[in-house]
Amino acid sequence: MDKLFQAEILSLNFFKKIMSTMRGKAEHSNSVDKKSSTNITNSFIDSEAIESLSRASIKLDEKFGLKSSGKCGICVKAVEIEQFKEMKEFIDNFLSIATTNKEKSGIDISYSSLIDEYGYLWFILKGTKLEDLISSISSIGDTIHEKGFSKQLLATIFEFTSGYRNDTSKSNNIGSSRQYLIYNDKTDKFYPFVPTSDKFSDTSSRKRNHDQEIKLMEELAGEIMFEKDLSRWYPIWNIPF
């Protein structure tokens, strides 16, 4: 099959995934690999978690002055097998097509992928609209699931900011301008992560603002599927964005 034609097929199916997610439906019949998606239920796609994040973002702004930074990422434990490499190439391919055919996809995002020092593969998205990030990152999670690597998924991370990072005249009394909502793919629930410093590379600065995390949970518990067991609020210090 002609490579250009293959690329068009990939882009078409990815765009269908995005539109399906934005409508709140998991239309797996639009996937490229229909055989592998048979009888698959992906909690990341089928739950109310993704749709509810848009609603929760309104309260984050109203109550805490937090807005989406326009960044999110999904990480999956890499394995040294050919099928995993093919899955990564597949996602890289359709993301490349999607980000260069913005009129067709109806979304405005950019992306990058990398493998961190702990052996996790990251797909990182940047965009101006939270809804675009949500639908696109959901489509990536859907594809990872369809390709048989659900158990390798660690988390999906959405970054929010107070807006004070570059404004020294203000203070958010938290220490870091960045706060995160982390979606645990295994529990199908969100939890907060609020570091006290933006300097993640400095291990001595790796502390969390638990008071702020509790406030976020109390405020958002009625809006999104929240993890109530604090022992499952795992910090992710090596967020590469």
C-alpha atoms as a PDB file:
ATOM      1  CA  MET A   1       0.000   0.000   0.000  1.00  0.00           C
ATOM      2  CA  ASP A   2       1.265   3.465  -0.876  1.00  0.00           C
ATOM      3  CA  LYS A   3       2.791   5.172   2.206  1.00  0.00           C
ATOM      4  CA  LEU A   4       0.940   8.403   1.557  1.00  0.00           C
ATOM      5  CA  PHE A   5      -2.351   6.532   1.401  1.00  0.00           C
ATOM      6  CA  GLN A   6      -1.486   4.696   4.627  1.00  0.00           C
ATOM      7  CA  ALA A   7      -0.785   8.050   6.303  1.00  0.00           C
ATOM      8  CA  GLU A   8      -4.176   9.367   5.222  1.00  0.00           C
ATOM      9  CA  ILE A   9      -5.875   6.266   6.656  1.00  0.00           C
ATOM     10  CA  LEU A  10      -4.051   6.751   9.967  1.00  0.00           C
ATOM     11  CA  SER A  11      -4.991  10.409  10.186  1.00  0.00           C
ATOM     12  CA  LEU A  12      -8.624   9.733   9.311  1.00  0.00           C
ATOM     13  CA  ASN A  13      -8.991   7.127  12.040  1.00  0.00           C
ATOM     14  CA  PHE A  14      -7.231   9.263  14.627  1.00  0.00           C
ATOM     15  CA  PHE A  15      -9.521  12.200  13.874  1.00  0.00           C
ATOM     16  CA  LYS A  16     -12.512   9.873  14.241  1.00  0.00           C
ATOM     17  CA  LYS A  17     -11.177   8.800  17.643  1.00  0.00           C
ATOM     18  CA  ILE A  18     -10.918  12.411  18.733  1.00  0.00           C
ATOM     19  CA  MET A  19     -14.417  13.307  17.611  1.00  0.00           C
ATOM     20  CA  SER A  20     -15.778  10.155  19.253  1.00  0.00           C
ATOM     21  CA  THR A  21     -14.123  11.078  22.546  1.00  0.00           C
ATOM     22  CA  MET A  22     -15.368  14.650  22.356  1.00  0.00           C
ATOM     23  CA  ARG A  23     -18.908  13.307  21.969  1.00  0.00           C
ATOM     24  CA  GLY A  24     -18.352  11.174  25.051  1.00  0.00           C
ATOM     25  CA  LYS A  25     -18.514   7.869  23.176  1.00  0.00           C
ATOM     26  CA  ALA A  26     -15.977   5.120  22.690  1.00  0.00           C
ATOM     27  CA  GLU A  27     -16.625   4.294  19.056  1.00  0.00           C
ATOM     28  CA  HIS A  28     -14.087   1.529  18.685  1.00  0.00           C
ATOM     29  CA  SER A  29     -15.490   0.645  15.271  1.00  0.00           C
ATOM     30  CA  ASN A  30     -13.482   3.589  13.965  1.00  0.00           C
ATOM     31  CA  SER A  31     -10.167   2.229  15.174  1.00  0.00           C
ATOM     32  CA  VAL A  32      -7.519   1.160  12.712  1.00  0.00           C
ATOM     33  CA  ASP A  33      -7.003  -2.227  14.329  1.00  0.00           C
ATOM     34  CA  LYS A  34     -10.580  -3.448  14.762  1.00  0.00           C
ATOM     35  CA  LYS A  35      -9.575  -6.993  15.561  1.00  0.00           C
ATOM     36  CA  SER A  36      -7.441  -6.011  18.533  1.00  0.00           C
ATOM     37  CA  SER A  37     -10.182  -3.742  19.943  1.00  0.00           C
ATOM     38  CA  THR A  38     -12.874  -6.429  20.040  1.00  0.00           C
ATOM     39  CA  ASN A  39     -14.508  -6.720  23.474  1.00  0.00           C
ATOM     40  CA  ILE A  40     -12.140  -4.147  24.940  1.00  0.00           C
ATOM     41  CA  THR A  41     -13.404  -1.699  27.513  1.00  0.00           C
ATOM     42  CA  ASN A  42     -11.005   1.098  28.329  1.00  0.00           C
ATOM     43  CA  SER A  43     -11.895   2.804  31.598  1.00  0.00           C
ATOM     44  CA  PHE A  44      -9.996   5.910  30.499  1.00  0.00           C
ATOM     45  CA  ILE A  45     -12.362   6.339  27.557  1.00  0.00           C
ATOM     46  CA  ASP A  46     -15.618   4.936  28.940  1.00  0.00           C
ATOM     47  CA  SER A  47     -15.622   6.569  32.367  1.00  0.00           C
ATOM     48  CA  GLU A  48     -16.896  10.050  33.123  1.00  0.00           C
ATOM     49  CA  ALA A  49     -13.439  11.112  34.261  1.00  0.00           C
ATOM     50  CA  ILE A  50     -12.373  12.864  31.076  1.00  0.00           C
ATOM     51  CA  GLU A  51     -15.608  14.786  30.497  1.00  0.00           C
ATOM     52  CA  SER A  52     -15.696  15.809  34.148  1.00  0.00           C
ATOM     53  CA  LEU A  53     -12.212  17.326  33.972  1.00  0.00           C
ATOM     54  CA  SER A  54     -13.509  20.135  31.767  1.00  0.00           C
ATOM     55  CA  ARG A  55     -16.153  20.956  34.373  1.00  0.00           C
ATOM     56  CA  ALA A  56     -13.657  20.687  37.205  1.00  0.00           C
ATOM     57  CA  SER A  57     -11.322  23.139  35.468  1.00  0.00           C
ATOM     58  CA  ILE A  58     -13.963  25.862  35.867  1.00  0.00           C
ATOM     59  CA  LYS A  59     -13.980  25.384  39.627  1.00  0.00           C
ATOM     60  CA  LEU A  60     -10.177  25.314  39.730  1.00  0.00           C
ATOM     61  CA  ASP A  61     -10.184  28.748  38.150  1.00  0.00           C
ATOM     62  CA  GLU A  62     -12.958  30.151  40.334  1.00  0.00           C
ATOM     63  CA  LYS A  63     -11.720  28.798  43.679  1.00  0.00           C
ATOM     64  CA  PHE A  64      -7.945  28.698  43.261  1.00  0.00           C
ATOM     65  CA  GLY A  65      -7.112  30.883  40.285  1.00  0.00           C
ATOM     66  CA  LEU A  66      -5.695  27.860  38.510  1.00  0.00           C
ATOM     67  CA  LYS A  67      -5.844  27.489  34.752  1.00  0.00           C
ATOM     68  CA  SER A  68      -4.672  24.777  32.414  1.00  0.00           C
ATOM     69  CA  SER A  69      -1.073  25.419  31.420  1.00  0.00           C
ATOM     70  CA  GLY A  70      -1.839  23.866  28.046  1.00  0.00           C
ATOM     71  CA  LYS A  71       0.297  20.823  28.825  1.00  0.00           C
ATOM     72  CA  CYS A  72      -0.503  17.211  29.553  1.00  0.00           C
ATOM     73  CA  GLY A  73       1.166  13.854  29.144  1.00  0.00           C
ATOM     74  CA  ILE A  74       0.566  10.134  29.298  1.00  0.00           C
ATOM     75  CA  CYS A  75       3.259   7.693  30.390  1.00  0.00           C
ATOM     76  CA  VAL A  76       3.545   3.978  29.789  1.00  0.00           C
ATOM     77  CA  LYS A  77       6.259   1.569  30.929  1.00  0.00           C
ATOM     78  CA  ALA A  78       8.377   0.704  27.909  1.00  0.00           C
ATOM     79  CA  VAL A  79       9.115  -2.931  27.106  1.00  0.00           C
ATOM     80  CA  GLU A  80      11.761  -4.227  24.735  1.00  0.00           C
ATOM     81  CA  ILE A  81       9.555  -6.064  22.291  1.00  0.00           C
ATOM     82  CA  GLU A  82       8.800  -5.345  18.651  1.00  0.00           C
ATOM     83  CA  GLN A  83       5.061  -4.856  19.235  1.00  0.00           C
ATOM     84  CA  PHE A  84       5.733  -2.020  21.669  1.00  0.00           C
ATOM     85  CA  LYS A  85       8.055  -0.295  19.232  1.00  0.00           C
ATOM     86  CA  GLU A  86       5.403  -0.634  16.535  1.00  0.00           C
ATOM     87  CA  MET A  87       2.794   0.854  18.875  1.00  0.00           C
ATOM     88  CA  LYS A  88       5.028   3.863  19.582  1.00  0.00           C
ATOM     89  CA  GLU A  89       5.707   4.383  15.867  1.00  0.00           C
ATOM     90  CA  PHE A  90       1.987   4.110  15.165  1.00  0.00           C
ATOM     91  CA  ILE A  91       1.098   6.802  17.726  1.00  0.00           C
ATOM     92  CA  ASP A  92       4.002   9.031  16.682  1.00  0.00           C
ATOM     93  CA  ASN A  93       2.793   8.719  13.094  1.00  0.00           C
ATOM     94  CA  PHE A  94      -0.819   9.706  13.694  1.00  0.00           C
ATOM     95  CA  LEU A  95       0.159  12.501  16.104  1.00  0.00           C
ATOM     96  CA  SER A  96       2.522  13.899  13.499  1.00  0.00           C
ATOM     97  CA  ILE A  97      -0.272  13.824  10.932  1.00  0.00           C
ATOM     98  CA  ALA A  98      -2.802  15.327  13.354  1.00  0.00           C
ATOM     99  CA  THR A  99      -0.549  18.217  14.319  1.00  0.00           C
ATOM    100  CA  THR A 100       0.148  19.084  10.689  1.00  0.00           C
ATOM    101  CA  ASN A 101      -3.470  18.738   9.532  1.00  0.00           C
ATOM    102  CA  LYS A 102      -5.144  20.955  12.111  1.00  0.00           C
ATOM    103  CA  GLU A 103      -7.952  22.030   9.790  1.00  0.00           C
ATOM    104  CA  LYS A 104      -8.958  18.408   9.246  1.00  0.00           C
ATOM    105  CA  SER A 105      -8.719  17.378  12.888  1.00  0.00           C
ATOM    106  CA  GLY A 106     -10.287  20.525  14.294  1.00  0.00           C
ATOM    107  CA  ILE A 107      -7.694  20.609  17.075  1.00  0.00           C
ATOM    108  CA  ASP A 108      -4.652  22.794  17.649  1.00  0.00           C
ATOM    109  CA  ILE A 109      -1.953  20.843  19.469  1.00  0.00           C
ATOM    110  CA  SER A 110       1.734  20.024  19.251  1.00  0.00           C
ATOM    111  CA  TYR A 111       3.363  16.886  20.584  1.00  0.00           C
ATOM    112  CA  SER A 112       6.621  15.206  21.518  1.00  0.00           C
ATOM    113  CA  SER A 113       7.568  11.749  22.770  1.00  0.00           C
ATOM    114  CA  LEU A 114      10.500  10.542  24.842  1.00  0.00           C
ATOM    115  CA  ILE A 115      11.673   7.736  27.109  1.00  0.00           C
ATOM    116  CA  ASP A 116      12.749   8.983  30.531  1.00  0.00           C
ATOM    117  CA  GLU A 117      15.548   7.777  32.809  1.00  0.00           C
ATOM    118  CA  TYR A 118      13.204   5.279  34.473  1.00  0.00           C
ATOM    119  CA  GLY A 119      12.218   3.592  31.234  1.00  0.00           C
ATOM    120  CA  TYR A 120       8.799   5.197  30.795  1.00  0.00           C
ATOM    121  CA  LEU A 121       7.592   6.316  27.401  1.00  0.00           C
ATOM    122  CA  TRP A 122       5.921   9.724  27.480  1.00  0.00           C
ATOM    123  CA  PHE A 123       3.628  11.290  24.916  1.00  0.00           C
ATOM    124  CA  ILE A 124       3.461  15.011  25.700  1.00  0.00           C
ATOM    125  CA  LEU A 125       0.826  17.322  24.270  1.00  0.00           C
ATOM    126  CA  LYS A 126       0.681  21.111  24.248  1.00  0.00           C
ATOM    127  CA  GLY A 127      -2.284  23.207  23.180  1.00  0.00           C
ATOM    128  CA  THR A 128      -4.378  26.246  24.004  1.00  0.00           C
ATOM    129  CA  LYS A 129      -7.670  24.446  24.692  1.00  0.00           C
ATOM    130  CA  LEU A 130      -8.114  21.956  27.510  1.00  0.00           C
ATOM    131  CA  GLU A 131     -10.842  20.177  25.537  1.00  0.00           C
ATOM    132  CA  ASP A 132      -8.386  19.511  22.682  1.00  0.00           C
ATOM    133  CA  LEU A 133      -5.848  18.095  25.123  1.00  0.00           C
ATOM    134  CA  ILE A 134      -8.435  15.885  26.785  1.00  0.00           C
ATOM    135  CA  SER A 135      -9.774  14.420  23.554  1.00  0.00           C
ATOM    136  CA  SER A 136      -6.315  13.885  22.068  1.00  0.00           C
ATOM    137  CA  ILE A 137      -4.735  12.310  25.156  1.00  0.00           C
ATOM    138  CA  SER A 138      -7.787  10.057  25.458  1.00  0.00           C
ATOM    139  CA  SER A 139      -7.265   8.879  21.898  1.00  0.00           C
ATOM    140  CA  ILE A 140      -3.661   8.015  22.706  1.00  0.00           C
ATOM    141  CA  GLY A 141      -4.776   6.038  25.773  1.00  0.00           C
ATOM    142  CA  ASP A 142      -7.379   4.295  23.659  1.00  0.00           C
ATOM    143  CA  THR A 143      -4.757   3.278  21.106  1.00  0.00           C
ATOM    144  CA  ILE A 144      -2.345   2.007  23.771  1.00  0.00           C
ATOM    145  CA  HIS A 145      -5.199  -0.082  25.132  1.00  0.00           C
ATOM    146  CA  GLU A 146      -6.167  -1.434  21.714  1.00  0.00           C
ATOM    147  CA  LYS A 147      -2.584  -2.440  21.026  1.00  0.00           C
ATOM    148  CA  GLY A 148      -2.537  -4.585  24.173  1.00  0.00           C
ATOM    149  CA  PHE A 149      -0.427  -2.470  26.556  1.00  0.00           C
ATOM    150  CA  SER A 150      -3.040  -1.346  29.094  1.00  0.00           C
ATOM    151  CA  LYS A 151      -1.115  -2.911  31.970  1.00  0.00           C
ATOM    152  CA  GLN A 152       1.906  -0.794  31.082  1.00  0.00           C
ATOM    153  CA  LEU A 153       0.005   2.484  31.521  1.00  0.00           C
ATOM    154  CA  LEU A 154       1.090   4.434  34.595  1.00  0.00           C
ATOM    155  CA  ALA A 155      -0.795   7.721  34.547  1.00  0.00           C
ATOM    156  CA  THR A 156      -2.098  10.660  32.596  1.00  0.00           C
ATOM    157  CA  ILE A 157      -1.090  14.060  33.932  1.00  0.00           C
ATOM    158  CA  PHE A 158      -2.694  17.469  33.432  1.00  0.00           C
ATOM    159  CA  GLU A 159      -0.772  20.559  34.488  1.00  0.00           C
ATOM    160  CA  PHE A 160      -2.421  23.666  35.916  1.00  0.00           C
ATOM    161  CA  THR A 161      -0.744  26.918  36.817  1.00  0.00           C
ATOM    162  CA  SER A 162      -1.412  29.833  39.131  1.00  0.00           C
ATOM    163  CA  GLY A 163       0.041  32.168  36.548  1.00  0.00           C
ATOM    164  CA  TYR A 164       2.634  33.515  38.976  1.00  0.00           C
ATOM    165  CA  ARG A 165       5.647  31.693  37.546  1.00  0.00           C
ATOM    166  CA  ASN A 166       6.931  34.784  35.744  1.00  0.00           C
ATOM    167  CA  ASP A 167       5.431  37.433  38.004  1.00  0.00           C
ATOM    168  CA  THR A 168       7.600  38.161  41.040  1.00  0.00           C
ATOM    169  CA  SER A 169       5.174  40.822  42.295  1.00  0.00           C
ATOM    170  CA  LYS A 170       2.707  38.125  43.340  1.00  0.00           C
ATOM    171  CA  SER A 171       2.852  35.065  45.504  1.00  0.00           C
ATOM    172  CA  ASN A 172       0.592  32.041  45.602  1.00  0.00           C
ATOM    173  CA  ASN A 173       1.834  30.989  49.059  1.00  0.00           C
ATOM    174  CA  ILE A 174       2.373  27.473  47.761  1.00  0.00           C
ATOM    175  CA  GLY A 175       5.942  27.623  46.509  1.00  0.00           C
ATOM    176  CA  SER A 176       5.364  26.211  43.049  1.00  0.00           C
ATOM    177  CA  SER A 177       3.357  27.775  40.268  1.00  0.00           C
ATOM    178  CA  ARG A 178       2.514  24.320  38.921  1.00  0.00           C
ATOM    179  CA  GLN A 179      -0.135  21.984  40.291  1.00  0.00           C
ATOM    180  CA  TYR A 180      -1.244  18.709  38.771  1.00  0.00           C
ATOM    181  CA  LEU A 181      -4.217  16.447  38.474  1.00  0.00           C
ATOM    182  CA  ILE A 182      -3.012  12.911  37.886  1.00  0.00           C
ATOM    183  CA  TYR A 183      -5.278  10.270  36.432  1.00  0.00           C
ATOM    184  CA  ASN A 184      -4.424   6.750  37.624  1.00  0.00           C
ATOM    185  CA  ASP A 185      -5.361   4.455  34.744  1.00  0.00           C
ATOM    186  CA  LYS A 186      -5.528   1.414  37.030  1.00  0.00           C
ATOM    187  CA  THR A 187      -8.003   2.895  39.520  1.00  0.00           C
ATOM    188  CA  ASP A 188      -9.880   5.138  37.059  1.00  0.00           C
ATOM    189  CA  LYS A 189      -9.555   8.064  39.474  1.00  0.00           C
ATOM    190  CA  PHE A 190      -7.810  11.419  39.748  1.00  0.00           C
ATOM    191  CA  TYR A 191      -5.630  12.664  42.581  1.00  0.00           C
ATOM    192  CA  PRO A 192      -3.751  15.949  43.142  1.00  0.00           C
ATOM    193  CA  PHE A 193      -0.018  16.497  43.144  1.00  0.00           C
ATOM    194  CA  VAL A 194       1.279  19.858  44.384  1.00  0.00           C
ATOM    195  CA  PRO A 195       5.069  20.139  44.626  1.00  0.00           C
ATOM    196  CA  THR A 196       6.451  22.953  46.761  1.00  0.00           C
ATOM    197  CA  SER A 197       9.136  23.771  44.209  1.00  0.00           C
ATOM    198  CA  ASP A 198       9.445  23.908  40.432  1.00  0.00           C
ATOM    199  CA  LYS A 199      12.975  22.456  40.689  1.00  0.00           C
ATOM    200  CA  PHE A 200      12.204  18.764  40.205  1.00  0.00           C
ATOM    201  CA  SER A 201      15.825  17.915  39.387  1.00  0.00           C
ATOM    202  CA  ASP A 202      16.890  18.950  42.890  1.00  0.00           C
ATOM    203  CA  THR A 203      16.003  15.927  45.027  1.00  0.00           C
ATOM    204  CA  SER A 204      16.346  17.970  48.212  1.00  0.00           C
ATOM    205  CA  SER A 205      13.484  20.185  47.006  1.00  0.00           C
ATOM    206  CA  ARG A 206      11.109  17.313  46.358  1.00  0.00           C
ATOM    207  CA  LYS A 207       8.402  18.108  48.882  1.00  0.00           C
ATOM    208  CA  ARG A 208       4.639  18.289  48.541  1.00  0.00           C
ATOM    209  CA  ASN A 209       2.080  20.770  49.768  1.00  0.00           C
ATOM    210  CA  HIS A 210      -0.340  18.321  51.335  1.00  0.00           C
ATOM    211  CA  ASP A 211      -2.618  21.066  52.644  1.00  0.00           C
ATOM    212  CA  GLN A 212      -3.198  22.359  49.127  1.00  0.00           C
ATOM    213  CA  GLU A 213      -3.717  18.828  47.832  1.00  0.00           C
ATOM    214  CA  ILE A 214      -6.410  18.252  50.455  1.00  0.00           C
ATOM    215  CA  LYS A 215      -8.092  21.534  49.524  1.00  0.00           C
ATOM    216  CA  LEU A 216      -8.149  20.494  45.874  1.00  0.00           C
ATOM    217  CA  MET A 217      -9.691  17.152  46.766  1.00  0.00           C
ATOM    218  CA  GLU A 218     -12.357  18.715  48.965  1.00  0.00           C
ATOM    219  CA  GLU A 219     -13.294  21.216  46.284  1.00  0.00           C
ATOM    220  CA  LEU A 220     -13.272  18.836  43.329  1.00  0.00           C
ATOM    221  CA  ALA A 221     -14.549  15.624  44.896  1.00  0.00           C
ATOM    222  CA  GLY A 222     -18.041  16.355  43.636  1.00  0.00           C
ATOM    223  CA  GLU A 223     -16.854  17.196  40.133  1.00  0.00           C
ATOM    224  CA  ILE A 224     -14.486  14.383  39.141  1.00  0.00           C
ATOM    225  CA  MET A 225     -13.816  10.784  40.111  1.00  0.00           C
ATOM    226  CA  PHE A 226     -11.371  11.393  42.957  1.00  0.00           C
ATOM    227  CA  GLU A 227      -9.128   8.942  44.798  1.00  0.00           C
ATOM    228  CA  LYS A 228     -10.056   9.174  48.484  1.00  0.00           C
ATOM    229  CA  ASP A 229      -7.269   6.867  49.665  1.00  0.00           C
ATOM    230  CA  LEU A 230      -4.371   9.262  50.267  1.00  0.00           C
ATOM    231  CA  SER A 231      -1.873   6.394  50.235  1.00  0.00           C
ATOM    232  CA  ARG A 232      -2.547   6.128  46.501  1.00  0.00           C
ATOM    233  CA  TRP A 233      -1.598   9.721  45.798  1.00  0.00           C
ATOM    234  CA  TYR A 234       1.716   8.713  44.251  1.00  0.00           C
ATOM    235  CA  PRO A 235       4.083  11.596  43.459  1.00  0.00           C
ATOM    236  CA  ILE A 236       5.600  11.737  39.985  1.00  0.00           C
ATOM    237  CA  TRP A 237       8.710  13.866  40.258  1.00  0.00           C
ATOM    238  CA  ASN A 238      10.122  13.307  36.806  1.00  0.00           C
ATOM    239  CA  ILE A 239       7.315  14.983  34.854  1.00  0.00           C
ATOM    240  CA  PRO A 240       9.118  16.023  31.649  1.00  0.00           C
ATOM    241  CA  PHE A 241       7.041  19.115  30.853  1.00  0.00           C
END
